[in-house]
Amino acid sequence: MRSSAAPSTGDGVAVRNAAATRQRILDAATVEFSAEGLAGGRVARIAERARANQRMIYAYFGSKDGLFDAVLEHHILLAQDAVDFDATDLPGYAQQVFDVYRANPHFLRLTLWQALERPELLRSVEPVVRTMTDKIGAIARAQAAGLVSAALPADRLFDHILALANGGLTDIGHPSAWTDAQRRDLGISVAHLTAPPPR
């Protein structure tokens, strides 16, 4: 993935302006890509919304694909920072993920587009890979300690938890319509999925 660091200017004000411009581009691209996906998104519309020229977008991100990657990585890392992970409270973790999606509908739509158009992306973003590996390792250790069901391997169990947290199939793309009842049911479902066998 091309680095999305701002070009060096050597001037404090210019650096701050560059950072602000980069953030405007990310914000505008979030709106565009969450609505239209990577294939349907248009750099010209992103530039207009961000009050930036297209050459600047390519200077920062290299390509439309690079911009999409940067947008998704930005939101994934924000979501990870917003959620606490405790391998002994996987229902609570799933509900926190549900809350992040419900509060940020664009983020879920971005992940759906990513699954359709860039399925390999999450395996190439090093900070995302590292944190996912850490979570799977924590689940495996909890399984070994008898605190979490070992009926599924840790990586498959984690995938199932995230799939459940993505909401019901009838309104998966509209998390703003998700309900507290769905959140409660999610916790119950993950509790049943992850509960260790009785001793």
N, C-alpha and C. Protein backbone atom coordinates (compact mmCIF):
# COMPACT_ATOMS: atom_id res chain seq x y z
N MET A 1 0.84 -1.18 0.00
CA MET A 1 0.00 0.00 0.00
C MET A 1 0.89 1.24 0.00
N ARG A 2 0.57 2.21 -0.83
CA ARG A 2 1.35 3.43 -0.89
C ARG A 2 1.19 4.21 0.40
N SER A 3 2.31 4.81 0.87
CA SER A 3 2.24 5.63 2.08
C SER A 3 1.34 6.82 1.84
N SER A 4 0.52 7.14 2.86
CA SER A 4 -0.38 8.29 2.73
C SER A 4 0.09 9.46 3.57
N ALA A 5 1.38 9.45 3.95
CA ALA A 5 1.92 10.57 4.72
C ALA A 5 1.92 11.83 3.87
N ALA A 6 1.68 12.96 4.51
CA ALA A 6 1.66 14.23 3.80
C ALA A 6 3.05 14.57 3.31
N PRO A 7 3.18 15.19 2.13
CA PRO A 7 4.47 15.62 1.66
C PRO A 7 5.11 16.59 2.64
N SER A 8 6.43 16.46 2.82
CA SER A 8 7.15 17.32 3.76
C SER A 8 7.26 18.72 3.20
N THR A 9 7.02 19.73 4.02
CA THR A 9 7.11 21.12 3.57
C THR A 9 8.16 21.89 4.34
N GLY A 10 8.50 21.43 5.54
CA GLY A 10 9.48 22.16 6.34
C GLY A 10 8.91 23.40 6.99
N ASP A 11 7.63 23.65 6.86
CA ASP A 11 7.01 24.83 7.44
C ASP A 11 5.83 24.40 8.29
N GLY A 12 5.80 24.84 9.56
CA GLY A 12 4.77 24.38 10.49
C GLY A 12 3.37 24.67 10.02
N VAL A 13 3.13 25.87 9.53
CA VAL A 13 1.79 26.23 9.08
C VAL A 13 1.39 25.39 7.87
N ALA A 14 2.33 25.22 6.96
CA ALA A 14 2.03 24.43 5.76
C ALA A 14 1.74 22.98 6.13
N VAL A 15 2.49 22.46 7.11
CA VAL A 15 2.25 21.09 7.54
C VAL A 15 0.84 20.95 8.13
N ARG A 16 0.45 21.94 8.96
CA ARG A 16 -0.91 21.89 9.53
C ARG A 16 -1.95 22.00 8.44
N ASN A 17 -1.71 22.86 7.45
CA ASN A 17 -2.66 22.99 6.35
C ASN A 17 -2.73 21.70 5.54
N ALA A 18 -1.56 21.06 5.35
CA ALA A 18 -1.54 19.80 4.61
C ALA A 18 -2.31 18.72 5.36
N ALA A 19 -2.15 18.67 6.68
CA ALA A 19 -2.88 17.68 7.48
C ALA A 19 -4.37 17.94 7.42
N ALA A 20 -4.77 19.21 7.45
CA ALA A 20 -6.19 19.54 7.37
C ALA A 20 -6.75 19.17 6.00
N THR A 21 -5.97 19.41 4.95
CA THR A 21 -6.41 19.05 3.60
C THR A 21 -6.55 17.54 3.47
N ARG A 22 -5.57 16.81 4.00
CA ARG A 22 -5.63 15.35 3.93
C ARG A 22 -6.88 14.84 4.65
N GLN A 23 -7.21 15.44 5.81
CA GLN A 23 -8.39 15.00 6.55
C GLN A 23 -9.66 15.33 5.78
N ARG A 24 -9.71 16.48 5.12
CA ARG A 24 -10.89 16.81 4.30
C ARG A 24 -11.06 15.80 3.17
N ILE A 25 -9.95 15.40 2.58
CA ILE A 25 -10.02 14.41 1.51
C ILE A 25 -10.54 13.08 2.05
N LEU A 26 -10.02 12.65 3.21
CA LEU A 26 -10.51 11.40 3.81
C LEU A 26 -11.99 11.48 4.14
N ASP A 27 -12.42 12.62 4.67
CA ASP A 27 -13.84 12.78 5.02
C ASP A 27 -14.71 12.74 3.76
N ALA A 28 -14.28 13.44 2.72
CA ALA A 28 -15.05 13.45 1.47
C ALA A 28 -15.06 12.07 0.83
N ALA A 29 -13.93 11.38 0.87
CA ALA A 29 -13.86 10.05 0.29
C ALA A 29 -14.71 9.05 1.08
N THR A 30 -14.82 9.26 2.38
CA THR A 30 -15.69 8.40 3.19
C THR A 30 -17.12 8.48 2.70
N VAL A 31 -17.60 9.69 2.48
CA VAL A 31 -18.97 9.89 1.98
C VAL A 31 -19.13 9.24 0.61
N GLU A 32 -18.18 9.48 -0.28
CA GLU A 32 -18.29 8.97 -1.65
C GLU A 32 -18.21 7.44 -1.70
N PHE A 33 -17.20 6.88 -1.06
CA PHE A 33 -17.01 5.44 -1.16
C PHE A 33 -18.06 4.65 -0.40
N SER A 34 -18.55 5.19 0.72
CA SER A 34 -19.59 4.45 1.45
C SER A 34 -20.89 4.40 0.65
N ALA A 35 -21.11 5.42 -0.18
CA ALA A 35 -22.32 5.44 -1.01
C ALA A 35 -22.16 4.68 -2.31
N GLU A 36 -20.97 4.77 -2.92
CA GLU A 36 -20.80 4.28 -4.29
C GLU A 36 -19.82 3.12 -4.42
N GLY A 37 -19.07 2.82 -3.37
CA GLY A 37 -18.04 1.80 -3.47
C GLY A 37 -16.81 2.30 -4.20
N LEU A 38 -15.84 1.40 -4.35
CA LEU A 38 -14.61 1.78 -5.04
C LEU A 38 -14.84 1.99 -6.53
N ALA A 39 -15.50 1.04 -7.17
CA ALA A 39 -15.71 1.14 -8.61
C ALA A 39 -16.57 2.34 -8.98
N GLY A 40 -17.61 2.60 -8.18
CA GLY A 40 -18.53 3.69 -8.50
C GLY A 40 -18.09 5.05 -8.01
N GLY A 41 -17.15 5.08 -7.07
CA GLY A 41 -16.69 6.35 -6.53
C GLY A 41 -15.92 7.16 -7.57
N ARG A 42 -16.05 8.47 -7.49
CA ARG A 42 -15.40 9.34 -8.46
C ARG A 42 -14.48 10.33 -7.75
N VAL A 43 -13.22 10.34 -8.20
CA VAL A 43 -12.23 11.24 -7.60
C VAL A 43 -12.65 12.70 -7.80
N ALA A 44 -13.27 13.01 -8.93
CA ALA A 44 -13.69 14.39 -9.18
C ALA A 44 -14.70 14.85 -8.13
N ARG A 45 -15.64 13.99 -7.75
CA ARG A 45 -16.62 14.37 -6.73
C ARG A 45 -15.95 14.51 -5.37
N ILE A 46 -15.00 13.62 -5.09
CA ILE A 46 -14.27 13.71 -3.82
C ILE A 46 -13.51 15.02 -3.75
N ALA A 47 -12.85 15.39 -4.83
CA ALA A 47 -12.08 16.63 -4.86
C ALA A 47 -12.99 17.83 -4.65
N GLU A 48 -14.14 17.83 -5.29
CA GLU A 48 -15.06 18.95 -5.14
C GLU A 48 -15.56 19.06 -3.70
N ARG A 49 -15.93 17.93 -3.11
CA ARG A 49 -16.43 17.95 -1.74
C ARG A 49 -15.33 18.36 -0.75
N ALA A 50 -14.09 17.95 -1.04
CA ALA A 50 -12.97 18.24 -0.14
C ALA A 50 -12.37 19.62 -0.37
N ARG A 51 -12.84 20.32 -1.39
CA ARG A 51 -12.25 21.61 -1.77
C ARG A 51 -10.75 21.45 -2.04
N ALA A 52 -10.44 20.45 -2.84
CA ALA A 52 -9.05 20.15 -3.21
C ALA A 52 -9.04 19.78 -4.68
N ASN A 53 -7.88 19.92 -5.31
CA ASN A 53 -7.82 19.50 -6.71
C ASN A 53 -7.41 18.04 -6.80
N GLN A 54 -7.72 17.43 -7.93
CA GLN A 54 -7.48 16.00 -8.08
C GLN A 54 -5.99 15.67 -8.02
N ARG A 55 -5.14 16.56 -8.52
CA ARG A 55 -3.70 16.30 -8.47
C ARG A 55 -3.23 16.15 -7.03
N MET A 56 -3.83 16.92 -6.12
CA MET A 56 -3.45 16.82 -4.71
C MET A 56 -3.84 15.46 -4.14
N ILE A 57 -5.00 14.96 -4.52
CA ILE A 57 -5.43 13.65 -4.05
C ILE A 57 -4.45 12.58 -4.49
N TYR A 58 -4.03 12.64 -5.76
CA TYR A 58 -3.09 11.64 -6.25
C TYR A 58 -1.72 11.81 -5.59
N ALA A 59 -1.34 13.05 -5.25
CA ALA A 59 -0.07 13.28 -4.57
C ALA A 59 -0.07 12.65 -3.18
N TYR A 60 -1.19 12.73 -2.48
CA TYR A 60 -1.29 12.17 -1.14
C TYR A 60 -1.44 10.65 -1.16
N PHE A 61 -2.27 10.13 -2.06
CA PHE A 61 -2.70 8.73 -1.95
C PHE A 61 -2.31 7.86 -3.14
N GLY A 62 -1.78 8.45 -4.19
CA GLY A 62 -1.25 7.67 -5.29
C GLY A 62 -2.26 7.26 -6.35
N SER A 63 -3.44 6.85 -5.93
CA SER A 63 -4.45 6.35 -6.85
C SER A 63 -5.79 6.32 -6.13
N LYS A 64 -6.85 6.06 -6.89
CA LYS A 64 -8.16 5.90 -6.24
C LYS A 64 -8.15 4.70 -5.32
N ASP A 65 -7.51 3.61 -5.73
CA ASP A 65 -7.40 2.43 -4.87
C ASP A 65 -6.67 2.78 -3.57
N GLY A 66 -5.58 3.54 -3.70
CA GLY A 66 -4.83 3.94 -2.52
C GLY A 66 -5.65 4.79 -1.58
N LEU A 67 -6.50 5.65 -2.14
CA LEU A 67 -7.37 6.48 -1.31
C LEU A 67 -8.41 5.61 -0.60
N PHE A 68 -9.01 4.67 -1.32
CA PHE A 68 -9.97 3.77 -0.69
C PHE A 68 -9.32 3.00 0.46
N ASP A 69 -8.12 2.49 0.21
CA ASP A 69 -7.41 1.76 1.25
C ASP A 69 -7.17 2.64 2.48
N ALA A 70 -6.76 3.88 2.24
CA ALA A 70 -6.47 4.79 3.35
C ALA A 70 -7.73 5.12 4.14
N VAL A 71 -8.84 5.29 3.43
CA VAL A 71 -10.11 5.57 4.11
C VAL A 71 -10.51 4.39 5.01
N LEU A 72 -10.44 3.20 4.46
CA LEU A 72 -10.85 2.03 5.25
C LEU A 72 -9.92 1.83 6.44
N GLU A 73 -8.61 1.94 6.20
CA GLU A 73 -7.67 1.78 7.31
C GLU A 73 -7.92 2.82 8.40
N HIS A 74 -8.17 4.05 8.01
CA HIS A 74 -8.45 5.13 8.97
C HIS A 74 -9.63 4.77 9.86
N HIS A 75 -10.71 4.29 9.26
CA HIS A 75 -11.91 4.00 10.05
C HIS A 75 -11.77 2.72 10.86
N ILE A 76 -11.07 1.75 10.34
CA ILE A 76 -10.84 0.52 11.12
C ILE A 76 -10.05 0.84 12.38
N LEU A 77 -9.00 1.65 12.24
CA LEU A 77 -8.17 1.97 13.41
C LEU A 77 -8.94 2.83 14.41
N LEU A 78 -9.78 3.74 13.92
CA LEU A 78 -10.64 4.51 14.83
C LEU A 78 -11.58 3.58 15.60
N ALA A 79 -12.17 2.63 14.88
CA ALA A 79 -13.10 1.69 15.53
C ALA A 79 -12.38 0.84 16.55
N GLN A 80 -11.19 0.38 16.22
CA GLN A 80 -10.43 -0.43 17.17
C GLN A 80 -10.11 0.35 18.43
N ASP A 81 -9.79 1.62 18.28
CA ASP A 81 -9.50 2.45 19.45
C ASP A 81 -10.75 2.66 20.31
N ALA A 82 -11.93 2.58 19.70
CA ALA A 82 -13.18 2.85 20.42
C ALA A 82 -13.71 1.63 21.15
N VAL A 83 -13.13 0.46 20.91
CA VAL A 83 -13.66 -0.79 21.45
C VAL A 83 -12.62 -1.46 22.34
N ASP A 84 -13.03 -1.84 23.54
CA ASP A 84 -12.17 -2.62 24.44
C ASP A 84 -12.35 -4.10 24.13
N PHE A 85 -11.25 -4.83 24.16
CA PHE A 85 -11.33 -6.27 23.89
C PHE A 85 -10.92 -7.05 25.12
N ASP A 86 -11.81 -7.93 25.55
CA ASP A 86 -11.55 -8.84 26.66
C ASP A 86 -12.00 -10.22 26.21
N ALA A 87 -11.05 -11.13 26.05
CA ALA A 87 -11.37 -12.46 25.53
C ALA A 87 -12.30 -13.23 26.44
N THR A 88 -12.43 -12.80 27.71
CA THR A 88 -13.35 -13.47 28.63
C THR A 88 -14.73 -12.81 28.63
N ASP A 89 -14.90 -11.75 27.83
CA ASP A 89 -16.21 -11.10 27.70
C ASP A 89 -16.48 -10.83 26.23
N LEU A 90 -16.57 -11.89 25.45
CA LEU A 90 -16.79 -11.74 24.01
C LEU A 90 -18.19 -11.22 23.69
N PRO A 91 -19.23 -11.53 24.48
CA PRO A 91 -20.52 -10.87 24.22
C PRO A 91 -20.43 -9.35 24.36
N GLY A 92 -19.72 -8.88 25.38
CA GLY A 92 -19.55 -7.44 25.55
C GLY A 92 -18.77 -6.81 24.42
N TYR A 93 -17.75 -7.52 23.92
CA TYR A 93 -16.98 -7.03 22.78
C TYR A 93 -17.88 -6.91 21.55
N ALA A 94 -18.67 -7.94 21.28
CA ALA A 94 -19.55 -7.91 20.11
C ALA A 94 -20.54 -6.76 20.19
N GLN A 95 -21.05 -6.49 21.38
CA GLN A 95 -21.99 -5.38 21.54
C GLN A 95 -21.31 -4.03 21.34
N GLN A 96 -20.06 -3.92 21.73
CA GLN A 96 -19.33 -2.68 21.47
C GLN A 96 -19.12 -2.47 19.97
N VAL A 97 -18.80 -3.55 19.24
CA VAL A 97 -18.66 -3.45 17.79
C VAL A 97 -19.99 -3.03 17.16
N PHE A 98 -21.06 -3.64 17.62
CA PHE A 98 -22.42 -3.27 17.18
C PHE A 98 -22.65 -1.77 17.39
N ASP A 99 -22.26 -1.27 18.56
CA ASP A 99 -22.45 0.15 18.88
C ASP A 99 -21.67 1.05 17.93
N VAL A 100 -20.44 0.65 17.61
CA VAL A 100 -19.62 1.45 16.69
C VAL A 100 -20.27 1.50 15.32
N TYR A 101 -20.73 0.36 14.82
CA TYR A 101 -21.40 0.35 13.52
C TYR A 101 -22.69 1.17 13.55
N ARG A 102 -23.46 1.04 14.63
CA ARG A 102 -24.73 1.76 14.70
C ARG A 102 -24.50 3.26 14.71
N ALA A 103 -23.43 3.70 15.38
CA ALA A 103 -23.13 5.13 15.46
C ALA A 103 -22.45 5.65 14.20
N ASN A 104 -21.90 4.75 13.38
CA ASN A 104 -21.14 5.16 12.20
C ASN A 104 -21.57 4.32 10.99
N PRO A 105 -22.77 4.56 10.47
CA PRO A 105 -23.29 3.71 9.37
C PRO A 105 -22.36 3.65 8.17
N HIS A 106 -21.65 4.76 7.90
CA HIS A 106 -20.75 4.78 6.75
C HIS A 106 -19.65 3.73 6.89
N PHE A 107 -19.24 3.45 8.13
CA PHE A 107 -18.15 2.50 8.34
C PHE A 107 -18.58 1.09 7.95
N LEU A 108 -19.79 0.70 8.33
CA LEU A 108 -20.27 -0.63 7.94
C LEU A 108 -20.40 -0.71 6.42
N ARG A 109 -20.92 0.33 5.79
CA ARG A 109 -21.05 0.30 4.33
C ARG A 109 -19.68 0.18 3.66
N LEU A 110 -18.68 0.88 4.22
CA LEU A 110 -17.33 0.75 3.68
C LEU A 110 -16.81 -0.68 3.78
N THR A 111 -17.06 -1.33 4.92
CA THR A 111 -16.58 -2.70 5.08
C THR A 111 -17.31 -3.66 4.14
N LEU A 112 -18.57 -3.39 3.87
CA LEU A 112 -19.31 -4.22 2.92
C LEU A 112 -18.75 -4.06 1.50
N TRP A 113 -18.46 -2.80 1.11
CA TRP A 113 -17.84 -2.57 -0.20
C TRP A 113 -16.47 -3.23 -0.26
N GLN A 114 -15.71 -3.13 0.82
CA GLN A 114 -14.38 -3.74 0.86
C GLN A 114 -14.48 -5.25 0.64
N ALA A 115 -15.45 -5.89 1.31
CA ALA A 115 -15.61 -7.33 1.16
C ALA A 115 -15.94 -7.71 -0.29
N LEU A 116 -16.68 -6.85 -0.97
CA LEU A 116 -17.05 -7.11 -2.36
C LEU A 116 -15.92 -6.80 -3.34
N GLU A 117 -15.24 -5.66 -3.12
CA GLU A 117 -14.34 -5.14 -4.14
C GLU A 117 -12.85 -5.30 -3.81
N ARG A 118 -12.51 -5.38 -2.54
CA ARG A 118 -11.10 -5.51 -2.15
C ARG A 118 -10.98 -6.55 -1.04
N PRO A 119 -11.40 -7.81 -1.28
CA PRO A 119 -11.42 -8.80 -0.19
C PRO A 119 -10.05 -9.08 0.40
N GLU A 120 -8.99 -8.82 -0.35
CA GLU A 120 -7.65 -9.09 0.15
C GLU A 120 -7.09 -7.96 1.01
N LEU A 121 -7.80 -6.84 1.08
CA LEU A 121 -7.23 -5.64 1.69
C LEU A 121 -6.86 -5.84 3.15
N LEU A 122 -7.75 -6.44 3.94
CA LEU A 122 -7.50 -6.54 5.37
C LEU A 122 -6.29 -7.41 5.69
N ARG A 123 -5.88 -8.24 4.75
CA ARG A 123 -4.68 -9.06 4.97
C ARG A 123 -3.40 -8.31 4.64
N SER A 124 -3.53 -7.06 4.15
CA SER A 124 -2.34 -6.31 3.74
C SER A 124 -2.12 -5.05 4.57
N VAL A 125 -3.04 -4.73 5.48
CA VAL A 125 -2.90 -3.54 6.31
C VAL A 125 -2.27 -3.97 7.64
N GLU A 126 -0.99 -3.66 7.81
CA GLU A 126 -0.23 -4.24 8.92
C GLU A 126 -0.82 -3.95 10.29
N PRO A 127 -1.24 -2.71 10.61
CA PRO A 127 -1.83 -2.48 11.94
C PRO A 127 -3.09 -3.29 12.18
N VAL A 128 -3.87 -3.48 11.12
CA VAL A 128 -5.11 -4.26 11.25
C VAL A 128 -4.77 -5.73 11.45
N VAL A 129 -3.84 -6.25 10.65
CA VAL A 129 -3.43 -7.65 10.79
C VAL A 129 -2.90 -7.90 12.20
N ARG A 130 -2.09 -6.97 12.70
CA ARG A 130 -1.48 -7.16 14.02
C ARG A 130 -2.54 -7.22 15.12
N THR A 131 -3.49 -6.32 15.08
CA THR A 131 -4.49 -6.30 16.15
C THR A 131 -5.45 -7.49 16.05
N MET A 132 -5.76 -7.92 14.82
CA MET A 132 -6.60 -9.11 14.66
C MET A 132 -5.86 -10.34 15.18
N THR A 133 -4.57 -10.44 14.88
CA THR A 133 -3.78 -11.56 15.36
C THR A 133 -3.73 -11.58 16.88
N ASP A 134 -3.59 -10.41 17.47
CA ASP A 134 -3.55 -10.31 18.93
C ASP A 134 -4.87 -10.80 19.55
N LYS A 135 -5.99 -10.40 18.95
CA LYS A 135 -7.30 -10.80 19.49
C LYS A 135 -7.50 -12.31 19.35
N ILE A 136 -7.14 -12.85 18.21
CA ILE A 136 -7.28 -14.30 18.01
C ILE A 136 -6.39 -15.06 19.00
N GLY A 137 -5.20 -14.54 19.23
CA GLY A 137 -4.32 -15.18 20.20
C GLY A 137 -4.91 -15.14 21.60
N ALA A 138 -5.52 -14.03 21.97
CA ALA A 138 -6.14 -13.93 23.30
C ALA A 138 -7.31 -14.90 23.43
N ILE A 139 -8.09 -15.06 22.37
CA ILE A 139 -9.19 -16.03 22.40
C ILE A 139 -8.64 -17.44 22.55
N ALA A 140 -7.58 -17.76 21.81
CA ALA A 140 -6.99 -19.09 21.91
C ALA A 140 -6.50 -19.38 23.33
N ARG A 141 -5.91 -18.38 23.97
CA ARG A 141 -5.44 -18.58 25.35
C ARG A 141 -6.62 -18.77 26.30
N ALA A 142 -7.71 -18.04 26.07
CA ALA A 142 -8.90 -18.21 26.91
C ALA A 142 -9.51 -19.58 26.69
N GLN A 143 -9.46 -20.08 25.45
CA GLN A 143 -9.95 -21.43 25.18
C GLN A 143 -9.10 -22.47 25.91
N ALA A 144 -7.78 -22.28 25.85
CA ALA A 144 -6.88 -23.23 26.51
C ALA A 144 -7.09 -23.25 28.02
N ALA A 145 -7.50 -22.10 28.57
CA ALA A 145 -7.75 -22.01 30.01
C ALA A 145 -9.14 -22.49 30.38
N GLY A 146 -9.93 -22.90 29.40
CA GLY A 146 -11.28 -23.37 29.67
C GLY A 146 -12.30 -22.28 29.91
N LEU A 147 -11.97 -21.04 29.51
CA LEU A 147 -12.86 -19.91 29.76
C LEU A 147 -13.78 -19.60 28.58
N VAL A 148 -13.45 -20.13 27.42
CA VAL A 148 -14.20 -19.89 26.19
C VAL A 148 -14.33 -21.22 25.47
N SER A 149 -15.47 -21.45 24.84
CA SER A 149 -15.69 -22.68 24.09
C SER A 149 -14.58 -22.90 23.06
N ALA A 150 -14.10 -24.14 22.99
CA ALA A 150 -13.10 -24.50 22.00
C ALA A 150 -13.72 -25.33 20.87
N ALA A 151 -15.03 -25.26 20.72
CA ALA A 151 -15.70 -26.02 19.65
C ALA A 151 -15.25 -25.56 18.27
N LEU A 152 -14.87 -24.29 18.16
CA LEU A 152 -14.33 -23.75 16.92
C LEU A 152 -12.91 -23.25 17.17
N PRO A 153 -12.04 -23.31 16.17
CA PRO A 153 -10.73 -22.68 16.32
C PRO A 153 -10.89 -21.19 16.59
N ALA A 154 -9.92 -20.59 17.25
CA ALA A 154 -10.04 -19.20 17.68
C ALA A 154 -10.31 -18.25 16.52
N ASP A 155 -9.65 -18.48 15.38
CA ASP A 155 -9.85 -17.56 14.25
C ASP A 155 -11.26 -17.67 13.68
N ARG A 156 -11.78 -18.91 13.59
CA ARG A 156 -13.14 -19.08 13.09
C ARG A 156 -14.15 -18.51 14.08
N LEU A 157 -13.92 -18.70 15.34
CA LEU A 157 -14.82 -18.16 16.36
C LEU A 157 -14.87 -16.64 16.27
N PHE A 158 -13.72 -16.02 16.11
CA PHE A 158 -13.67 -14.56 15.99
C PHE A 158 -14.42 -14.08 14.76
N ASP A 159 -14.27 -14.79 13.63
CA ASP A 159 -15.00 -14.44 12.42
C ASP A 159 -16.51 -14.50 12.65
N HIS A 160 -16.98 -15.52 13.34
CA HIS A 160 -18.41 -15.66 13.60
C HIS A 160 -18.92 -14.52 14.49
N ILE A 161 -18.13 -14.14 15.47
CA ILE A 161 -18.53 -13.04 16.36
C ILE A 161 -18.68 -11.76 15.57
N LEU A 162 -17.71 -11.46 14.71
CA LEU A 162 -17.79 -10.24 13.90
C LEU A 162 -18.96 -10.29 12.94
N ALA A 163 -19.23 -11.47 12.36
CA ALA A 163 -20.37 -11.59 11.45
C ALA A 163 -21.68 -11.31 12.19
N LEU A 164 -21.82 -11.83 13.40
CA LEU A 164 -23.02 -11.56 14.18
C LEU A 164 -23.15 -10.08 14.52
N ALA A 165 -22.03 -9.44 14.79
CA ALA A 165 -22.05 -8.02 15.16
C ALA A 165 -22.39 -7.12 13.98
N ASN A 166 -22.37 -7.66 12.77
CA ASN A 166 -22.70 -6.86 11.58
C ASN A 166 -24.19 -6.61 11.42
N GLY A 167 -25.01 -7.14 12.31
CA GLY A 167 -26.44 -6.85 12.27
C GLY A 167 -27.25 -7.88 11.52
N GLY A 168 -28.57 -7.74 11.57
CA GLY A 168 -29.46 -8.69 10.91
C GLY A 168 -29.41 -8.55 9.41
N LEU A 169 -29.65 -9.66 8.71
CA LEU A 169 -29.56 -9.65 7.26
C LEU A 169 -30.56 -8.71 6.61
N THR A 170 -31.68 -8.46 7.26
CA THR A 170 -32.70 -7.64 6.62
C THR A 170 -32.33 -6.16 6.62
N ASP A 171 -31.45 -5.74 7.51
CA ASP A 171 -31.08 -4.32 7.54
C ASP A 171 -29.58 -4.14 7.74
N ILE A 172 -28.80 -5.08 7.15
CA ILE A 172 -27.37 -5.06 7.38
C ILE A 172 -26.72 -3.76 6.90
N GLY A 173 -27.23 -3.17 5.83
CA GLY A 173 -26.64 -1.94 5.32
C GLY A 173 -27.17 -0.68 5.96
N HIS A 174 -28.06 -0.81 6.94
CA HIS A 174 -28.70 0.35 7.55
C HIS A 174 -28.58 0.29 9.07
N PRO A 175 -27.36 0.38 9.60
CA PRO A 175 -27.19 0.20 11.05
C PRO A 175 -27.87 1.28 11.88
N SER A 176 -28.19 2.44 11.28
CA SER A 176 -28.89 3.46 12.05
C SER A 176 -30.28 2.98 12.47
N ALA A 177 -30.78 1.92 11.82
CA ALA A 177 -32.09 1.36 12.17
C ALA A 177 -31.98 0.20 13.15
N TRP A 178 -30.78 -0.17 13.52
CA TRP A 178 -30.61 -1.26 14.47
C TRP A 178 -31.19 -0.87 15.83
N THR A 179 -31.67 -1.86 16.56
CA THR A 179 -32.40 -1.59 17.80
C THR A 179 -31.65 -2.12 19.01
N ASP A 180 -32.08 -1.64 20.17
CA ASP A 180 -31.52 -2.16 21.42
C ASP A 180 -31.85 -3.64 21.60
N ALA A 181 -32.99 -4.07 21.07
CA ALA A 181 -33.35 -5.48 21.16
C ALA A 181 -32.36 -6.33 20.37
N GLN A 182 -31.94 -5.85 19.19
CA GLN A 182 -30.93 -6.56 18.42
C GLN A 182 -29.61 -6.62 19.19
N ARG A 183 -29.28 -5.54 19.86
CA ARG A 183 -28.04 -5.51 20.64
C ARG A 183 -28.10 -6.57 21.76
N ARG A 184 -29.24 -6.62 22.43
CA ARG A 184 -29.41 -7.61 23.50
C ARG A 184 -29.32 -9.03 22.93
N ASP A 185 -30.00 -9.27 21.82
CA ASP A 185 -29.98 -10.59 21.21
C ASP A 185 -28.58 -10.98 20.76
N LEU A 186 -27.83 -9.99 20.29
CA LEU A 186 -26.44 -10.25 19.90
C LEU A 186 -25.63 -10.76 21.08
N GLY A 187 -25.78 -10.10 22.23
CA GLY A 187 -25.06 -10.54 23.42
C GLY A 187 -25.43 -11.96 23.81
N ILE A 188 -26.72 -12.28 23.72
CA ILE A 188 -27.17 -13.63 24.07
C ILE A 188 -26.59 -14.65 23.09
N SER A 189 -26.61 -14.32 21.80
CA SER A 189 -26.11 -15.25 20.78
C SER A 189 -24.62 -15.52 20.97
N VAL A 190 -23.84 -14.46 21.19
CA VAL A 190 -22.40 -14.65 21.35
C VAL A 190 -22.10 -15.37 22.66
N ALA A 191 -22.91 -15.13 23.69
CA ALA A 191 -22.72 -15.84 24.96
C ALA A 191 -22.92 -17.35 24.75
N HIS A 192 -23.93 -17.74 24.00
CA HIS A 192 -24.16 -19.16 23.73
C HIS A 192 -23.04 -19.74 22.87
N LEU A 193 -22.58 -18.95 21.90
CA LEU A 193 -21.54 -19.42 20.99
C LEU A 193 -20.21 -19.64 21.70
N THR A 194 -19.93 -18.81 22.69
CA THR A 194 -18.60 -18.81 23.30
C THR A 194 -18.55 -19.46 24.68
N ALA A 195 -19.68 -19.80 25.25
CA ALA A 195 -19.69 -20.35 26.61
C ALA A 195 -18.94 -21.68 26.66
N PRO A 196 -18.04 -21.85 27.62
CA PRO A 196 -17.33 -23.14 27.73
C PRO A 196 -18.29 -24.21 28.23
N PRO A 197 -17.97 -25.47 27.95
CA PRO A 197 -18.83 -26.55 28.46
C PRO A 197 -18.78 -26.58 29.99
N PRO A 198 -19.88 -27.01 30.62
CA PRO A 198 -19.87 -27.07 32.09
C PRO A 198 -18.83 -28.06 32.58
N ARG A 199 -18.23 -27.75 33.69
CA ARG A 199 -17.18 -28.62 34.26
C ARG A 199 -17.81 -29.68 35.15
